[in-house]
Amino acid sequence: MFEVKGFDPHNDYVMIKVERAVDGDNIRARRCFVCGDQPTTGVGEHVFPKWLQTRFGLFDERLTLINGTFIPYRSLTVPCCAECNTGFLSRIETEVQEIVERGSVETSADRLSVARWMAKILVGILVKETALLLDRKDPTLGNIVTADFISELVHCQLLLQSARKPARFGALHGTFPFTLYWYRIDGLENGFDLSTDIVGQSIAMRVGKLGLAFVNDGGLQMIHGEKGPYGLEGVTVLPHQFGELAARVHTKASLRDATHFYLNSETPTHLTIEQQDVRPFTSTTLAGGEMQVFQPWDSWKFSVRAAQVTRLEESVFMDTITGREMTTLTNLL
């Protein structure tokens, strides 16, 4: 159990705000993306904050959306009320900016701050896509993401909004109910990369000297190692090596075959988020007798994803003749 302190308690219930924030009708009405209330006038919340866009020269760079179209980072805004924007979201940004400039995740508090920030970006991207047409030439096809899909991110929202008041966490696989790995990057100070897996609810980001990979999976990936792929969390890697690590996390996230049952509670002064057990989606039993929580590893799927993230050839990660998986991480193993 881990308790987060430092925020003024108040009587507004976080879980009610989360429920409103993921409600399809509120998403369609373009209400505040983190409380479901009426947004203020103006551009709203920048999914990628201005300090990040300034630090890494992103204003005129473009993000690839799910349908293959592009949007400038400066235009990636979502409806947000002034109270949320200048309140708990601002505190999260301040905490993470310091971590990014330092280039390391040193404490449990750092880890939680980064996870909340990554959750905000993942939710923000998808909320933005609920307002964009899948095909501008054919509006009848609807939007890129349906408003009702956002309800799938309820635990992501709960993690993000746990910053509103002191929160206690009870997790089965670590200190917190999420997966987060970080790495030191040996590369350009202003280097930036982003990759996501919407199905697996994972997001990875290279921000200068820091590489981050987050999965909204209740920490399930940590069953197979708290330090991530090959146990390399915290080591110094090259940008393309971080890309491979991110691809491994994304691939694993897409193969998740279980979820968690939570018993959450809230008082006027505290929020408690507690996992009770793991609940597989299927009844597949493994050789050792345990239930399957991840589908079998798919080397081909990984090699395709790694090529996309690193911009290297698929042959770097898969010998097409022998079918043998390969890695760029040999010098670190």
C-alpha atoms as a PDB file:
ATOM      1  CA  MET A   1       0.000   0.000   0.000  1.00  0.00           C
ATOM      2  CA  PHE A   2       1.381   3.438  -0.962  1.00  0.00           C
ATOM      3  CA  GLU A   3       0.003   6.770   0.162  1.00  0.00           C
ATOM      4  CA  VAL A   4       0.516   9.987  -1.774  1.00  0.00           C
ATOM      5  CA  LYS A   5       0.501  13.198   0.222  1.00  0.00           C
ATOM      6  CA  GLY A   6       0.850  16.857  -0.595  1.00  0.00           C
ATOM      7  CA  PHE A   7      -2.539  17.847  -1.993  1.00  0.00           C
ATOM      8  CA  ASP A   8      -5.291  19.675  -0.150  1.00  0.00           C
ATOM      9  CA  PRO A   9      -8.237  17.343   0.518  1.00  0.00           C
ATOM     10  CA  HIS A  10     -11.651  18.442  -0.668  1.00  0.00           C
ATOM     11  CA  ASN A  11     -15.161  17.113  -0.658  1.00  0.00           C
ATOM     12  CA  ASP A  12     -15.599  16.555  -4.391  1.00  0.00           C
ATOM     13  CA  TYR A  13     -15.466  12.866  -5.242  1.00  0.00           C
ATOM     14  CA  VAL A  14     -12.886  11.783  -7.807  1.00  0.00           C
ATOM     15  CA  MET A  15     -14.791   8.664  -8.852  1.00  0.00           C
ATOM     16  CA  ILE A  16     -17.829  10.755  -9.766  1.00  0.00           C
ATOM     17  CA  LYS A  17     -15.659  12.997 -11.952  1.00  0.00           C
ATOM     18  CA  VAL A  18     -14.124   9.941 -13.625  1.00  0.00           C
ATOM     19  CA  GLU A  19     -17.571   8.511 -14.353  1.00  0.00           C
ATOM     20  CA  ARG A  20     -18.637  11.793 -15.949  1.00  0.00           C
ATOM     21  CA  ALA A  21     -15.378  12.126 -17.889  1.00  0.00           C
ATOM     22  CA  VAL A  22     -15.764   8.760 -19.661  1.00  0.00           C
ATOM     23  CA  ASP A  23     -19.486   9.160 -20.352  1.00  0.00           C
ATOM     24  CA  GLY A  24     -20.125   9.010 -24.089  1.00  0.00           C
ATOM     25  CA  ASP A  25     -22.733  11.778 -24.016  1.00  0.00           C
ATOM     26  CA  ASN A  26     -20.333  14.121 -22.247  1.00  0.00           C
ATOM     27  CA  ILE A  27     -17.579  13.286 -24.736  1.00  0.00           C
ATOM     28  CA  ARG A  28     -19.920  14.022 -27.657  1.00  0.00           C
ATOM     29  CA  ALA A  29     -20.985  17.292 -26.004  1.00  0.00           C
ATOM     30  CA  ARG A  30     -17.289  18.302 -25.776  1.00  0.00           C
ATOM     31  CA  ARG A  31     -17.345  18.740 -22.036  1.00  0.00           C
ATOM     32  CA  CYS A  32     -14.172  18.867 -19.926  1.00  0.00           C
ATOM     33  CA  PHE A  33     -12.193  15.711 -20.655  1.00  0.00           C
ATOM     34  CA  VAL A  34     -11.299  15.103 -17.000  1.00  0.00           C
ATOM     35  CA  CYS A  35     -14.415  16.070 -15.079  1.00  0.00           C
ATOM     36  CA  GLY A  36     -17.266  16.022 -17.595  1.00  0.00           C
ATOM     37  CA  ASP A  37     -18.283  19.569 -16.724  1.00  0.00           C
ATOM     38  CA  GLN A  38     -18.692  22.475 -19.125  1.00  0.00           C
ATOM     39  CA  PRO A  39     -15.320  23.559 -20.545  1.00  0.00           C
ATOM     40  CA  THR A  40     -14.253  27.171 -20.500  1.00  0.00           C
ATOM     41  CA  THR A  41     -13.917  29.120 -23.738  1.00  0.00           C
ATOM     42  CA  GLY A  42     -10.540  29.025 -25.467  1.00  0.00           C
ATOM     43  CA  VAL A  43      -8.362  26.284 -26.905  1.00  0.00           C
ATOM     44  CA  GLY A  44      -8.682  23.992 -23.882  1.00  0.00           C
ATOM     45  CA  GLU A  45      -5.930  21.683 -22.601  1.00  0.00           C
ATOM     46  CA  HIS A  46      -2.879  21.009 -24.759  1.00  0.00           C
ATOM     47  CA  VAL A  47      -2.473  17.229 -24.753  1.00  0.00           C
ATOM     48  CA  PHE A  48       1.252  17.827 -25.230  1.00  0.00           C
ATOM     49  CA  PRO A  49       1.963  20.807 -22.974  1.00  0.00           C
ATOM     50  CA  LYS A  50       3.475  24.000 -24.309  1.00  0.00           C
ATOM     51  CA  TRP A  51       6.656  23.526 -22.273  1.00  0.00           C
ATOM     52  CA  LEU A  52       7.196  20.159 -23.984  1.00  0.00           C
ATOM     53  CA  GLN A  53       6.465  21.553 -27.443  1.00  0.00           C
ATOM     54  CA  THR A  54       8.885  24.431 -26.801  1.00  0.00           C
ATOM     55  CA  ARG A  55      11.583  22.196 -25.301  1.00  0.00           C
ATOM     56  CA  PHE A  56      11.549  19.755 -28.237  1.00  0.00           C
ATOM     57  CA  GLY A  57      10.444  22.001 -31.111  1.00  0.00           C
ATOM     58  CA  LEU A  58       7.124  20.247 -31.660  1.00  0.00           C
ATOM     59  CA  PHE A  59       4.794  23.118 -32.575  1.00  0.00           C
ATOM     60  CA  ASP A  60       5.102  22.500 -36.319  1.00  0.00           C
ATOM     61  CA  GLU A  61       5.730  18.738 -36.082  1.00  0.00           C
ATOM     62  CA  ARG A  62       2.835  16.377 -36.738  1.00  0.00           C
ATOM     63  CA  LEU A  63       1.410  13.380 -34.930  1.00  0.00           C
ATOM     64  CA  THR A  64       0.043  10.420 -36.905  1.00  0.00           C
ATOM     65  CA  LEU A  65      -3.535   9.552 -35.934  1.00  0.00           C
ATOM     66  CA  ILE A  66      -5.139   6.099 -35.949  1.00  0.00           C
ATOM     67  CA  ASN A  67      -6.567   6.582 -39.450  1.00  0.00           C
ATOM     68  CA  GLY A  68      -3.164   7.524 -40.887  1.00  0.00           C
ATOM     69  CA  THR A  69      -3.833  11.260 -41.114  1.00  0.00           C
ATOM     70  CA  PHE A  70      -1.719  13.878 -39.385  1.00  0.00           C
ATOM     71  CA  ILE A  71      -2.330  16.651 -36.888  1.00  0.00           C
ATOM     72  CA  PRO A  72       0.155  19.331 -35.709  1.00  0.00           C
ATOM     73  CA  TYR A  73       1.092  18.979 -32.052  1.00  0.00           C
ATOM     74  CA  ARG A  74       0.052  22.594 -31.522  1.00  0.00           C
ATOM     75  CA  SER A  75      -3.490  21.689 -32.628  1.00  0.00           C
ATOM     76  CA  LEU A  76      -3.824  18.701 -30.335  1.00  0.00           C
ATOM     77  CA  THR A  77      -6.110  20.250 -27.710  1.00  0.00           C
ATOM     78  CA  VAL A  78      -9.112  18.875 -25.836  1.00  0.00           C
ATOM     79  CA  PRO A  79     -11.974  20.568 -23.948  1.00  0.00           C
ATOM     80  CA  CYS A  80     -10.998  21.328 -20.371  1.00  0.00           C
ATOM     81  CA  CYS A  81     -12.384  23.545 -17.619  1.00  0.00           C
ATOM     82  CA  ALA A  82     -10.242  26.188 -15.930  1.00  0.00           C
ATOM     83  CA  GLU A  83     -10.355  24.445 -12.548  1.00  0.00           C
ATOM     84  CA  CYS A  84      -8.879  21.216 -13.914  1.00  0.00           C
ATOM     85  CA  ASN A  85      -6.467  22.968 -16.270  1.00  0.00           C
ATOM     86  CA  THR A  86      -4.906  25.240 -13.663  1.00  0.00           C
ATOM     87  CA  GLY A  87      -5.385  22.805 -10.787  1.00  0.00           C
ATOM     88  CA  PHE A  88      -4.297  19.174 -10.615  1.00  0.00           C
ATOM     89  CA  LEU A  89      -3.251  18.983 -14.286  1.00  0.00           C
ATOM     90  CA  SER A  90      -0.896  21.925 -13.795  1.00  0.00           C
ATOM     91  CA  ARG A  91       0.669  20.241 -10.753  1.00  0.00           C
ATOM     92  CA  ILE A  92       1.303  17.070 -12.728  1.00  0.00           C
ATOM     93  CA  GLU A  93       2.962  19.054 -15.528  1.00  0.00           C
ATOM     94  CA  THR A  94       5.243  20.873 -13.097  1.00  0.00           C
ATOM     95  CA  GLU A  95       6.356  17.609 -11.482  1.00  0.00           C
ATOM     96  CA  VAL A  96       7.040  15.895 -14.805  1.00  0.00           C
ATOM     97  CA  GLN A  97       8.892  18.845 -16.312  1.00  0.00           C
ATOM     98  CA  GLU A  98      11.447  18.576 -13.503  1.00  0.00           C
ATOM     99  CA  ILE A  99      11.803  14.818 -14.081  1.00  0.00           C
ATOM    100  CA  VAL A 100      12.291  15.258 -17.832  1.00  0.00           C
ATOM    101  CA  GLU A 101      14.968  17.910 -17.326  1.00  0.00           C
ATOM    102  CA  ARG A 102      16.726  15.652 -14.808  1.00  0.00           C
ATOM    103  CA  GLY A 103      16.532  12.676 -17.152  1.00  0.00           C
ATOM    104  CA  SER A 104      15.742  10.022 -14.558  1.00  0.00           C
ATOM    105  CA  VAL A 105      12.859   8.586 -12.524  1.00  0.00           C
ATOM    106  CA  GLU A 106      14.305   8.339  -9.025  1.00  0.00           C
ATOM    107  CA  THR A 107      11.483   7.805  -6.534  1.00  0.00           C
ATOM    108  CA  SER A 108       8.067   6.181  -6.231  1.00  0.00           C
ATOM    109  CA  ALA A 109       6.557   9.665  -6.322  1.00  0.00           C
ATOM    110  CA  ASP A 110       8.376  10.318  -9.621  1.00  0.00           C
ATOM    111  CA  ARG A 111       7.040   7.064 -11.028  1.00  0.00           C
ATOM    112  CA  LEU A 112       3.476   7.957 -10.098  1.00  0.00           C
ATOM    113  CA  SER A 113       3.766  11.486 -11.514  1.00  0.00           C
ATOM    114  CA  VAL A 114       5.101  10.175 -14.829  1.00  0.00           C
ATOM    115  CA  ALA A 115       2.391   7.503 -15.060  1.00  0.00           C
ATOM    116  CA  ARG A 116      -0.344  10.073 -14.465  1.00  0.00           C
ATOM    117  CA  TRP A 117       1.160  12.306 -17.146  1.00  0.00           C
ATOM    118  CA  MET A 118       1.420   9.480 -19.672  1.00  0.00           C
ATOM    119  CA  ALA A 119      -2.175   8.487 -18.847  1.00  0.00           C
ATOM    120  CA  LYS A 120      -3.278  12.074 -19.538  1.00  0.00           C
ATOM    121  CA  ILE A 121      -1.581  12.078 -22.927  1.00  0.00           C
ATOM    122  CA  LEU A 122      -3.038   8.700 -23.905  1.00  0.00           C
ATOM    123  CA  VAL A 123      -6.549   9.760 -22.878  1.00  0.00           C
ATOM    124  CA  GLY A 124      -6.130  13.168 -24.488  1.00  0.00           C
ATOM    125  CA  ILE A 125      -5.098  11.775 -27.880  1.00  0.00           C
ATOM    126  CA  LEU A 126      -8.084   9.446 -27.977  1.00  0.00           C
ATOM    127  CA  VAL A 127     -10.551  12.105 -26.807  1.00  0.00           C
ATOM    128  CA  LYS A 128      -9.260  14.371 -29.589  1.00  0.00           C
ATOM    129  CA  GLU A 129      -9.851  11.591 -32.119  1.00  0.00           C
ATOM    130  CA  THR A 130     -13.503  11.370 -31.041  1.00  0.00           C
ATOM    131  CA  ALA A 131     -13.895  14.858 -32.544  1.00  0.00           C
ATOM    132  CA  LEU A 132     -12.162  14.146 -35.867  1.00  0.00           C
ATOM    133  CA  LEU A 133     -13.745  12.474 -38.885  1.00  0.00           C
ATOM    134  CA  LEU A 134     -12.457   9.076 -39.949  1.00  0.00           C
ATOM    135  CA  ASP A 135     -12.697  10.227 -43.577  1.00  0.00           C
ATOM    136  CA  ARG A 136     -13.303  13.895 -44.334  1.00  0.00           C
ATOM    137  CA  LYS A 137     -14.651  12.946 -47.760  1.00  0.00           C
ATOM    138  CA  ASP A 138     -17.296  10.699 -46.207  1.00  0.00           C
ATOM    139  CA  PRO A 139     -18.693  12.084 -42.914  1.00  0.00           C
ATOM    140  CA  THR A 140     -21.152   9.190 -42.730  1.00  0.00           C
ATOM    141  CA  LEU A 141     -18.283   6.958 -41.586  1.00  0.00           C
ATOM    142  CA  GLY A 142     -18.228   8.846 -38.291  1.00  0.00           C
ATOM    143  CA  ASN A 143     -15.245   9.856 -36.199  1.00  0.00           C
ATOM    144  CA  ILE A 144     -11.849   8.208 -35.877  1.00  0.00           C
ATOM    145  CA  VAL A 145     -12.701   6.980 -32.367  1.00  0.00           C
ATOM    146  CA  THR A 146     -16.241   6.612 -31.067  1.00  0.00           C
ATOM    147  CA  ALA A 147     -17.137   8.579 -27.955  1.00  0.00           C
ATOM    148  CA  ASP A 148     -18.294   5.410 -26.221  1.00  0.00           C
ATOM    149  CA  PHE A 149     -14.814   3.859 -26.603  1.00  0.00           C
ATOM    150  CA  ILE A 150     -13.449   6.292 -24.000  1.00  0.00           C
ATOM    151  CA  SER A 151     -15.223   4.254 -21.304  1.00  0.00           C
ATOM    152  CA  GLU A 152     -12.525   1.607 -21.924  1.00  0.00           C
ATOM    153  CA  LEU A 153     -10.065   4.073 -20.359  1.00  0.00           C
ATOM    154  CA  VAL A 154     -11.842   4.362 -17.017  1.00  0.00           C
ATOM    155  CA  HIS A 155      -8.866   3.024 -15.014  1.00  0.00           C
ATOM    156  CA  CYS A 156      -6.523   5.273 -16.978  1.00  0.00           C
ATOM    157  CA  GLN A 157      -8.700   8.231 -15.991  1.00  0.00           C
ATOM    158  CA  LEU A 158      -8.849   7.050 -12.385  1.00  0.00           C
ATOM    159  CA  LEU A 159      -5.053   6.856 -12.215  1.00  0.00           C
ATOM    160  CA  LEU A 160      -4.737  10.333 -13.742  1.00  0.00           C
ATOM    161  CA  GLN A 161      -7.340  11.869 -11.479  1.00  0.00           C
ATOM    162  CA  SER A 162      -6.003  10.249  -8.324  1.00  0.00           C
ATOM    163  CA  ALA A 163      -3.832  13.387  -8.202  1.00  0.00           C
ATOM    164  CA  ARG A 164      -6.853  15.384  -7.061  1.00  0.00           C
ATOM    165  CA  LYS A 165      -6.620  14.201  -3.443  1.00  0.00           C
ATOM    166  CA  PRO A 166      -4.384  11.953  -1.290  1.00  0.00           C
ATOM    167  CA  ALA A 167      -4.531   8.459  -2.778  1.00  0.00           C
ATOM    168  CA  ARG A 168      -3.706   5.015  -1.437  1.00  0.00           C
ATOM    169  CA  PHE A 169      -2.840   2.201  -3.830  1.00  0.00           C
ATOM    170  CA  GLY A 170      -2.946  -1.539  -3.281  1.00  0.00           C
ATOM    171  CA  ALA A 171      -1.422  -3.384  -6.247  1.00  0.00           C
ATOM    172  CA  LEU A 172      -0.762  -7.077  -6.849  1.00  0.00           C
ATOM    173  CA  HIS A 173       2.412  -6.785  -8.936  1.00  0.00           C
ATOM    174  CA  GLY A 174       4.243  -3.779  -7.504  1.00  0.00           C
ATOM    175  CA  THR A 175       3.704  -0.513  -5.712  1.00  0.00           C
ATOM    176  CA  PHE A 176       1.207   0.845  -8.224  1.00  0.00           C
ATOM    177  CA  PRO A 177      -1.488  -0.629 -10.506  1.00  0.00           C
ATOM    178  CA  PHE A 178       0.200   0.142 -13.821  1.00  0.00           C
ATOM    179  CA  THR A 179       3.287  -0.798 -15.818  1.00  0.00           C
ATOM    180  CA  LEU A 180       5.986   1.862 -16.216  1.00  0.00           C
ATOM    181  CA  TYR A 181       9.585   1.454 -17.384  1.00  0.00           C
ATOM    182  CA  TRP A 182      12.147   4.225 -17.861  1.00  0.00           C
ATOM    183  CA  TYR A 183      15.533   4.428 -19.570  1.00  0.00           C
ATOM    184  CA  ARG A 184      18.404   6.868 -19.968  1.00  0.00           C
ATOM    185  CA  ILE A 185      18.888   7.864 -23.598  1.00  0.00           C
ATOM    186  CA  ASP A 186      22.336   8.343 -25.147  1.00  0.00           C
ATOM    187  CA  GLY A 187      21.344  10.773 -27.869  1.00  0.00           C
ATOM    188  CA  LEU A 188      20.414  14.333 -28.743  1.00  0.00           C
ATOM    189  CA  GLU A 189      19.208  16.575 -25.934  1.00  0.00           C
ATOM    190  CA  ASN A 190      16.218  17.642 -28.043  1.00  0.00           C
ATOM    191  CA  GLY A 191      15.362  14.191 -29.439  1.00  0.00           C
ATOM    192  CA  PHE A 192      11.676  13.263 -29.322  1.00  0.00           C
ATOM    193  CA  ASP A 193       9.683  10.204 -30.396  1.00  0.00           C
ATOM    194  CA  LEU A 194       6.202   8.918 -29.613  1.00  0.00           C
ATOM    195  CA  SER A 195       4.546   5.538 -30.169  1.00  0.00           C
ATOM    196  CA  THR A 196       1.294   4.006 -28.928  1.00  0.00           C
ATOM    197  CA  ASP A 197      -0.774   0.843 -29.009  1.00  0.00           C
ATOM    198  CA  ILE A 198      -4.418   1.733 -28.613  1.00  0.00           C
ATOM    199  CA  VAL A 199      -5.644  -1.849 -28.149  1.00  0.00           C
ATOM    200  CA  GLY A 200      -3.033  -2.519 -25.474  1.00  0.00           C
ATOM    201  CA  GLN A 201      -3.434   0.978 -23.959  1.00  0.00           C
ATOM    202  CA  SER A 202       0.309   1.592 -24.030  1.00  0.00           C
ATOM    203  CA  ILE A 203       2.328   4.693 -24.823  1.00  0.00           C
ATOM    204  CA  ALA A 204       6.086   5.213 -25.101  1.00  0.00           C
ATOM    205  CA  MET A 205       7.935   8.493 -25.407  1.00  0.00           C
ATOM    206  CA  ARG A 206      11.528   9.588 -25.847  1.00  0.00           C
ATOM    207  CA  VAL A 207      11.950  13.056 -24.361  1.00  0.00           C
ATOM    208  CA  GLY A 208      15.563  14.121 -24.644  1.00  0.00           C
ATOM    209  CA  LYS A 209      17.671  12.029 -22.297  1.00  0.00           C
ATOM    210  CA  LEU A 210      14.704  10.132 -20.862  1.00  0.00           C
ATOM    211  CA  GLY A 211      12.751   7.248 -22.344  1.00  0.00           C
ATOM    212  CA  LEU A 212       9.371   6.258 -20.881  1.00  0.00           C
ATOM    213  CA  ALA A 213       7.010   3.352 -21.552  1.00  0.00           C
ATOM    214  CA  PHE A 214       3.623   3.181 -19.820  1.00  0.00           C
ATOM    215  CA  VAL A 215       0.846   0.580 -20.011  1.00  0.00           C
ATOM    216  CA  ASN A 216      -2.600   0.929 -18.490  1.00  0.00           C
ATOM    217  CA  ASP A 217      -2.728  -2.764 -17.589  1.00  0.00           C
ATOM    218  CA  GLY A 218      -2.816  -2.778 -13.803  1.00  0.00           C
ATOM    219  CA  GLY A 219       0.897  -3.659 -13.781  1.00  0.00           C
ATOM    220  CA  LEU A 220       0.329  -6.999 -15.480  1.00  0.00           C
ATOM    221  CA  GLN A 221       3.547  -6.863 -17.525  1.00  0.00           C
ATOM    222  CA  MET A 222       5.551  -6.773 -14.309  1.00  0.00           C
ATOM    223  CA  ILE A 223       4.507 -10.372 -13.637  1.00  0.00           C
ATOM    224  CA  HIS A 224       7.274 -11.221 -16.096  1.00  0.00           C
ATOM    225  CA  GLY A 225       9.847  -8.799 -14.701  1.00  0.00           C
ATOM    226  CA  GLU A 226       9.692  -5.566 -12.751  1.00  0.00           C
ATOM    227  CA  LYS A 227      12.516  -4.080 -14.839  1.00  0.00           C
ATOM    228  CA  GLY A 228      10.882  -4.663 -18.214  1.00  0.00           C
ATOM    229  CA  PRO A 229      12.214  -6.435 -21.308  1.00  0.00           C
ATOM    230  CA  TYR A 230      15.568  -8.090 -20.528  1.00  0.00           C
ATOM    231  CA  GLY A 231      15.580  -6.357 -17.123  1.00  0.00           C
ATOM    232  CA  LEU A 232      17.045  -3.168 -18.608  1.00  0.00           C
ATOM    233  CA  GLU A 233      15.011  -0.461 -16.872  1.00  0.00           C
ATOM    234  CA  GLY A 234      17.223   2.471 -15.895  1.00  0.00           C
ATOM    235  CA  VAL A 235      20.157   1.590 -18.166  1.00  0.00           C
ATOM    236  CA  THR A 236      21.545   3.851 -20.883  1.00  0.00           C
ATOM    237  CA  VAL A 237      20.404   2.933 -24.388  1.00  0.00           C
ATOM    238  CA  LEU A 238      20.656   4.415 -27.857  1.00  0.00           C
ATOM    239  CA  PRO A 239      17.506   5.956 -29.375  1.00  0.00           C
ATOM    240  CA  HIS A 240      16.866   2.995 -31.672  1.00  0.00           C
ATOM    241  CA  GLN A 241      17.402   0.596 -28.754  1.00  0.00           C
ATOM    242  CA  PHE A 242      14.772   2.457 -26.778  1.00  0.00           C
ATOM    243  CA  GLY A 243      12.530   2.133 -29.811  1.00  0.00           C
ATOM    244  CA  GLU A 244      12.987  -1.633 -29.723  1.00  0.00           C
ATOM    245  CA  LEU A 245      12.218  -1.746 -25.996  1.00  0.00           C
ATOM    246  CA  ALA A 246       9.089   0.329 -26.601  1.00  0.00           C
ATOM    247  CA  ALA A 247       8.042  -2.070 -29.374  1.00  0.00           C
ATOM    248  CA  ARG A 248       8.464  -5.013 -27.023  1.00  0.00           C
ATOM    249  CA  VAL A 249       6.273  -3.297 -24.417  1.00  0.00           C
ATOM    250  CA  HIS A 250       3.637  -2.423 -27.042  1.00  0.00           C
ATOM    251  CA  THR A 251       3.616  -5.948 -28.437  1.00  0.00           C
ATOM    252  CA  LYS A 252       3.230  -7.441 -24.976  1.00  0.00           C
ATOM    253  CA  ALA A 253       0.436  -4.971 -24.219  1.00  0.00           C
ATOM    254  CA  SER A 254      -1.453  -6.036 -27.349  1.00  0.00           C
ATOM    255  CA  LEU A 255      -1.240  -9.691 -26.221  1.00  0.00           C
ATOM    256  CA  ARG A 256      -2.766  -9.103 -22.782  1.00  0.00           C
ATOM    257  CA  ASP A 257      -5.396 -11.746 -22.027  1.00  0.00           C
ATOM    258  CA  ALA A 258      -6.575 -10.694 -18.571  1.00  0.00           C
ATOM    259  CA  THR A 259      -7.752  -7.775 -16.485  1.00  0.00           C
ATOM    260  CA  HIS A 260      -7.989  -6.955 -12.790  1.00  0.00           C
ATOM    261  CA  PHE A 261     -10.884  -6.742 -10.404  1.00  0.00           C
ATOM    262  CA  TYR A 262     -10.675  -3.613  -8.269  1.00  0.00           C
ATOM    263  CA  LEU A 263     -12.288  -2.682  -4.972  1.00  0.00           C
ATOM    264  CA  ASN A 264     -12.061   1.116  -4.976  1.00  0.00           C
ATOM    265  CA  SER A 265     -13.427   3.419  -2.307  1.00  0.00           C
ATOM    266  CA  GLU A 266     -13.417   7.090  -1.489  1.00  0.00           C
ATOM    267  CA  THR A 267     -14.008   9.410   1.432  1.00  0.00           C
ATOM    268  CA  PRO A 268     -14.074  13.212   1.415  1.00  0.00           C
ATOM    269  CA  THR A 269     -10.347  13.170   2.215  1.00  0.00           C
ATOM    270  CA  HIS A 270      -8.880  10.031   0.580  1.00  0.00           C
ATOM    271  CA  LEU A 271      -9.135   7.847  -2.494  1.00  0.00           C
ATOM    272  CA  THR A 272      -8.262   4.143  -2.302  1.00  0.00           C
ATOM    273  CA  ILE A 273      -7.510   2.127  -5.460  1.00  0.00           C
ATOM    274  CA  GLU A 274      -6.991  -1.536  -4.633  1.00  0.00           C
ATOM    275  CA  GLN A 275      -6.626  -4.596  -6.843  1.00  0.00           C
ATOM    276  CA  GLN A 276      -8.267  -7.790  -5.639  1.00  0.00           C
ATOM    277  CA  ASP A 277      -7.350 -10.408  -8.236  1.00  0.00           C
ATOM    278  CA  VAL A 278      -6.465 -11.094 -11.871  1.00  0.00           C
ATOM    279  CA  ARG A 279      -9.304 -12.227 -14.115  1.00  0.00           C
ATOM    280  CA  PRO A 280      -8.346 -13.885 -17.432  1.00  0.00           C
ATOM    281  CA  PHE A 281     -10.405 -13.122 -20.523  1.00  0.00           C
ATOM    282  CA  THR A 282     -10.213 -16.774 -21.594  1.00  0.00           C
ATOM    283  CA  SER A 283     -10.009 -20.072 -19.731  1.00  0.00           C
ATOM    284  CA  THR A 284      -6.672 -21.099 -21.267  1.00  0.00           C
ATOM    285  CA  THR A 285      -4.524 -23.083 -18.839  1.00  0.00           C
ATOM    286  CA  LEU A 286      -0.730 -23.116 -19.294  1.00  0.00           C
ATOM    287  CA  ALA A 287       1.574 -26.109 -18.880  1.00  0.00           C
ATOM    288  CA  GLY A 288       2.348 -25.201 -15.272  1.00  0.00           C
ATOM    289  CA  GLY A 289      -1.329 -25.135 -14.361  1.00  0.00           C
ATOM    290  CA  GLU A 290      -1.684 -21.354 -14.120  1.00  0.00           C
ATOM    291  CA  MET A 291      -4.203 -19.395 -16.178  1.00  0.00           C
ATOM    292  CA  GLN A 292      -2.981 -17.552 -19.264  1.00  0.00           C
ATOM    293  CA  VAL A 293      -2.724 -13.775 -18.791  1.00  0.00           C
ATOM    294  CA  PHE A 294      -0.871 -13.074 -22.053  1.00  0.00           C
ATOM    295  CA  GLN A 295      -1.336 -14.724 -25.406  1.00  0.00           C
ATOM    296  CA  PRO A 296       1.844 -16.431 -26.725  1.00  0.00           C
ATOM    297  CA  TRP A 297       4.602 -14.083 -27.832  1.00  0.00           C
ATOM    298  CA  ASP A 298       4.431 -13.252 -31.540  1.00  0.00           C
ATOM    299  CA  SER A 299       7.909 -12.565 -33.005  1.00  0.00           C
ATOM    300  CA  TRP A 300       6.523 -11.539 -36.388  1.00  0.00           C
ATOM    301  CA  LYS A 301       4.146  -9.036 -34.803  1.00  0.00           C
ATOM    302  CA  PHE A 302       7.026  -7.687 -32.742  1.00  0.00           C
ATOM    303  CA  SER A 303       9.335  -7.296 -35.748  1.00  0.00           C
ATOM    304  CA  VAL A 304       6.691  -5.330 -37.652  1.00  0.00           C
ATOM    305  CA  ARG A 305       6.093  -3.063 -34.660  1.00  0.00           C
ATOM    306  CA  ALA A 306       9.821  -2.612 -33.977  1.00  0.00           C
ATOM    307  CA  ALA A 307      10.436  -1.595 -37.588  1.00  0.00           C
ATOM    308  CA  GLN A 308       7.660   0.989 -37.353  1.00  0.00           C
ATOM    309  CA  VAL A 309       8.917   2.476 -34.096  1.00  0.00           C
ATOM    310  CA  THR A 310      12.663   2.450 -34.871  1.00  0.00           C
ATOM    311  CA  ARG A 311      12.353   3.184 -38.618  1.00  0.00           C
ATOM    312  CA  LEU A 312      14.739   0.294 -39.258  1.00  0.00           C
ATOM    313  CA  GLU A 313      14.117  -2.622 -41.599  1.00  0.00           C
ATOM    314  CA  GLU A 314      12.085  -5.589 -40.343  1.00  0.00           C
ATOM    315  CA  SER A 315      15.069  -7.802 -41.182  1.00  0.00           C
ATOM    316  CA  VAL A 316      16.923  -6.190 -38.251  1.00  0.00           C
ATOM    317  CA  PHE A 317      14.474  -7.898 -35.904  1.00  0.00           C
ATOM    318  CA  MET A 318      13.506 -11.046 -37.786  1.00  0.00           C
ATOM    319  CA  ASP A 319      15.492 -13.447 -39.986  1.00  0.00           C
ATOM    320  CA  THR A 320      12.894 -14.126 -42.669  1.00  0.00           C
ATOM    321  CA  ILE A 321      14.597 -17.367 -43.725  1.00  0.00           C
ATOM    322  CA  THR A 322      14.899 -19.019 -40.319  1.00  0.00           C
ATOM    323  CA  GLY A 323      12.104 -17.134 -38.543  1.00  0.00           C
ATOM    324  CA  ARG A 324      14.554 -16.363 -35.740  1.00  0.00           C
ATOM    325  CA  GLU A 325      13.908 -13.192 -33.738  1.00  0.00           C
ATOM    326  CA  MET A 326      16.833 -10.772 -33.374  1.00  0.00           C
ATOM    327  CA  THR A 327      17.622  -7.740 -31.236  1.00  0.00           C
ATOM    328  CA  THR A 328      19.658  -4.520 -31.282  1.00  0.00           C
ATOM    329  CA  LEU A 329      20.244  -4.861 -27.544  1.00  0.00           C
ATOM    330  CA  THR A 330      23.061  -7.448 -27.755  1.00  0.00           C
ATOM    331  CA  ASN A 331      25.671  -5.130 -26.212  1.00  0.00           C
ATOM    332  CA  LEU A 332      23.484  -4.707 -23.124  1.00  0.00           C
ATOM    333  CA  LEU A 333      22.650  -8.359 -22.479  1.00  0.00           C
END
